[in-house]
Protein backbone atom coordinates (compact mmCIF):
# COMPACT_ATOMS: atom_id res chain seq x y z
CA MET A 1 -13.40 4.24 4.19
CA ALA A 2 -13.17 1.73 1.37
CA LYS A 3 -11.82 -1.77 1.90
CA ILE A 4 -8.05 -1.84 1.57
CA HIS A 5 -6.89 -3.87 -1.44
CA ASP A 6 -4.68 -6.83 -0.43
CA ALA A 7 -1.88 -5.56 -2.71
CA LEU A 8 -1.53 -2.45 -0.50
CA LYS A 9 -0.29 -4.37 2.56
CA PRO A 10 3.37 -3.29 2.07
CA ILE A 11 2.33 0.41 2.06
CA GLN A 12 -0.89 0.49 4.09
CA TRP A 13 0.99 2.20 6.93
CA LEU A 14 0.84 5.38 4.81
CA ILE A 15 -2.98 5.51 4.73
CA GLY A 16 -4.38 8.50 6.56
CA THR A 17 -3.74 12.19 7.09
CA TRP A 18 -0.31 13.40 8.16
CA GLU A 19 0.57 16.86 9.47
CA SER A 20 4.11 18.23 9.52
CA VAL A 21 5.86 18.83 12.83
CA SER A 22 9.04 19.98 11.10
CA ALA A 23 9.48 20.87 7.43
CA LYS A 24 12.56 22.57 6.02
CA GLY A 25 13.75 23.33 2.52
CA HIS A 26 17.09 24.37 1.16
CA PHE A 27 18.94 24.33 -2.13
CA PRO A 28 22.15 26.03 -3.27
CA THR A 29 20.29 28.51 -5.50
CA ILE A 30 17.57 29.64 -3.04
CA LYS A 31 17.21 30.95 0.50
CA ASP A 32 16.47 28.31 3.18
CA PHE A 33 12.79 28.13 4.15
CA VAL A 34 10.31 26.39 6.43
CA TYR A 35 6.78 25.29 5.64
CA SER A 36 3.84 23.43 7.14
CA GLU A 37 2.16 20.65 5.20
CA VAL A 38 -0.72 18.21 5.31
CA LEU A 39 -0.49 14.92 3.39
CA LYS A 40 -3.40 12.59 2.64
CA PHE A 41 -3.12 9.00 1.44
CA GLU A 42 -6.54 7.45 0.80
CA SER A 43 -7.59 3.97 -0.25
CA LEU A 44 -10.51 3.49 -2.64
CA GLY A 45 -10.31 -0.31 -2.66
CA GLN A 46 -7.96 -0.46 -5.67
CA PRO A 47 -4.23 -1.37 -5.69
CA LEU A 48 -3.33 2.30 -5.36
CA LEU A 49 -3.60 5.19 -2.94
CA ASN A 50 -4.95 8.62 -3.84
CA TYR A 51 -2.51 11.29 -2.69
CA GLU A 52 -2.65 15.01 -1.93
CA ALA A 53 -0.14 17.37 -0.30
CA ARG A 54 -0.85 21.01 0.59
CA SER A 55 1.85 23.22 2.03
CA ARG A 56 1.53 26.66 3.60
CA ASN A 57 3.72 29.37 5.03
CA PRO A 58 3.75 28.57 8.78
CA VAL A 59 3.52 32.25 9.75
CA THR A 60 1.09 33.79 7.25
CA GLU A 61 -0.79 30.56 6.36
CA ALA A 62 -0.50 31.58 2.68
CA PRO A 63 -0.62 28.59 0.31
CA MET A 64 2.80 27.61 -1.00
CA HIS A 65 2.46 24.36 -2.93
CA LEU A 66 -0.11 21.76 -3.95
CA GLU A 67 0.51 18.36 -5.47
CA SER A 68 -1.77 15.42 -6.09
CA GLY A 69 -1.55 12.01 -7.63
CA PHE A 70 -1.62 8.27 -7.20
CA LEU A 71 0.73 5.82 -5.50
CA ARG A 72 0.27 2.49 -7.24
CA ILE A 73 1.70 -0.89 -6.24
CA LYS A 74 2.12 -3.79 -8.64
CA PRO A 75 -0.02 -6.57 -7.11
CA GLY A 76 2.06 -9.44 -5.79
CA SER A 77 5.19 -7.30 -5.49
CA ASN A 78 6.73 -4.35 -3.66
CA GLN A 79 7.17 -2.44 -6.93
CA LEU A 80 5.77 1.11 -6.84
CA ALA A 81 4.83 3.86 -9.29
CA PHE A 82 4.02 7.32 -7.92
CA MET A 83 2.38 9.70 -10.41
CA ILE A 84 2.32 13.30 -9.15
CA SER A 85 1.14 16.60 -10.64
CA HIS A 86 2.43 19.87 -9.13
CA ASN A 87 0.65 23.24 -9.24
CA PHE A 88 3.71 24.98 -10.71
CA GLY A 89 3.48 23.04 -13.98
CA LEU A 90 5.41 19.83 -13.36
CA THR A 91 4.32 16.19 -13.62
CA VAL A 92 6.53 13.41 -12.33
CA LEU A 93 6.50 9.63 -12.59
CA GLU A 94 8.59 8.11 -9.81
CA GLU A 95 9.24 4.39 -9.48
CA GLY A 96 10.81 2.33 -6.76
CA MET A 97 10.28 -0.25 -4.08
CA ALA A 98 8.50 -0.62 -0.77
CA LYS A 99 10.58 -2.07 2.04
CA GLU A 100 9.45 -2.62 5.62
CA ASN A 101 8.13 0.81 6.69
CA GLU A 102 10.07 2.57 3.94
CA LEU A 103 9.67 3.63 0.31
CA GLU A 104 12.53 4.51 -2.04
CA LEU A 105 11.55 6.28 -5.25
CA GLU A 106 13.37 7.87 -8.19
CA SER A 107 11.95 9.93 -11.02
CA LYS A 108 11.60 8.08 -14.34
CA THR A 109 9.99 10.91 -16.31
CA ILE A 110 9.53 14.61 -15.59
CA SER A 111 7.36 16.79 -17.81
CA ARG A 112 6.88 20.52 -17.49
CA MET A 113 4.70 23.13 -19.09
CA SER A 114 6.39 25.27 -21.72
CA PHE A 115 6.35 28.43 -19.58
CA ALA A 116 7.46 26.90 -16.27
CA LYS A 117 10.08 28.84 -14.35
CA ASP A 118 13.74 27.92 -14.94
CA PRO A 119 15.86 26.09 -14.02
CA SER A 120 14.30 22.80 -15.09
CA VAL A 121 14.05 19.94 -12.62
CA LYS A 122 15.97 17.03 -14.15
CA ALA A 123 15.67 14.31 -11.49
CA LEU A 124 14.17 13.58 -8.05
CA LYS A 125 14.88 10.97 -5.37
CA LYS A 126 12.57 10.49 -2.40
CA THR A 127 12.61 8.37 0.73
CA TYR A 128 9.52 7.87 2.89
CA LYS A 129 10.26 6.28 6.26
CA LEU A 130 7.99 5.35 9.15
CA ASN A 131 10.12 6.03 12.24
CA GLU A 132 9.96 3.95 15.42
CA ASP A 133 8.07 6.78 17.19
CA GLY A 134 5.29 6.61 14.57
CA THR A 135 6.33 9.74 12.69
CA LEU A 136 6.76 9.81 8.93
CA GLU A 137 9.99 11.28 7.55
CA ILE A 138 10.27 12.32 3.91
CA ARG A 139 13.56 13.33 2.31
CA THR A 140 13.58 14.80 -1.20
CA ASP A 141 16.72 15.22 -3.29
CA MET A 142 16.62 17.20 -6.54
CA GLU A 143 18.77 17.81 -9.61
CA THR A 144 18.21 20.83 -11.88
CA ASP A 145 19.81 22.23 -15.02
CA ASN A 146 22.21 24.15 -12.76
CA THR A 147 22.68 21.94 -9.68
CA PRO A 148 23.65 18.27 -9.30
CA MET A 149 21.56 15.93 -7.10
CA THR A 150 21.31 17.69 -3.73
CA ASN A 151 19.02 17.40 -0.73
CA HIS A 152 16.13 19.86 -1.08
CA LEU A 153 13.47 18.98 1.53
CA VAL A 154 13.36 17.18 4.88
CA ALA A 155 10.02 16.90 6.65
CA VAL A 156 8.67 14.96 9.62
CA TYR A 157 4.92 14.34 10.02
CA LYS A 158 2.64 12.98 12.72
CA ARG A 159 -0.52 11.09 11.94
CA LYS A 160 -3.45 13.45 12.32
CA ASP A 161 -6.37 11.02 12.18
CA LEU A 162 -5.66 8.62 15.04
């Protein structure tokens, strides 16, 4: 593993591979669902982390979703930018702050391919929290053309690589 850049200290607790122990999705316009997911945050020695998330159906193991990107921290601060590309034709720039064992992010820009499925995602809010038991909890809220900001995903992960 590469040396961890000093700027990453406020978020270095994310580094590693995380596997979901509970992952649930819901939204007013779709049927509730469950999924399994593996997250990877990797340091390359720069003031950013490489990121990848792969989700699967927990019963059939069929792939459901893939996203990848970069979580960047402004050196000398707790200011974050998270750039993520999704396999269904969406790219998102989220910005926010790192607190002690927690990240709070909100979408600043969302771009989508011209033939992406409607309704359009208009805004996202995410919270990443390292719980006292060492698990990682991620909550994702979403706003679309048809639905105001509403919780969409809640997932809890355990560190896989310890």
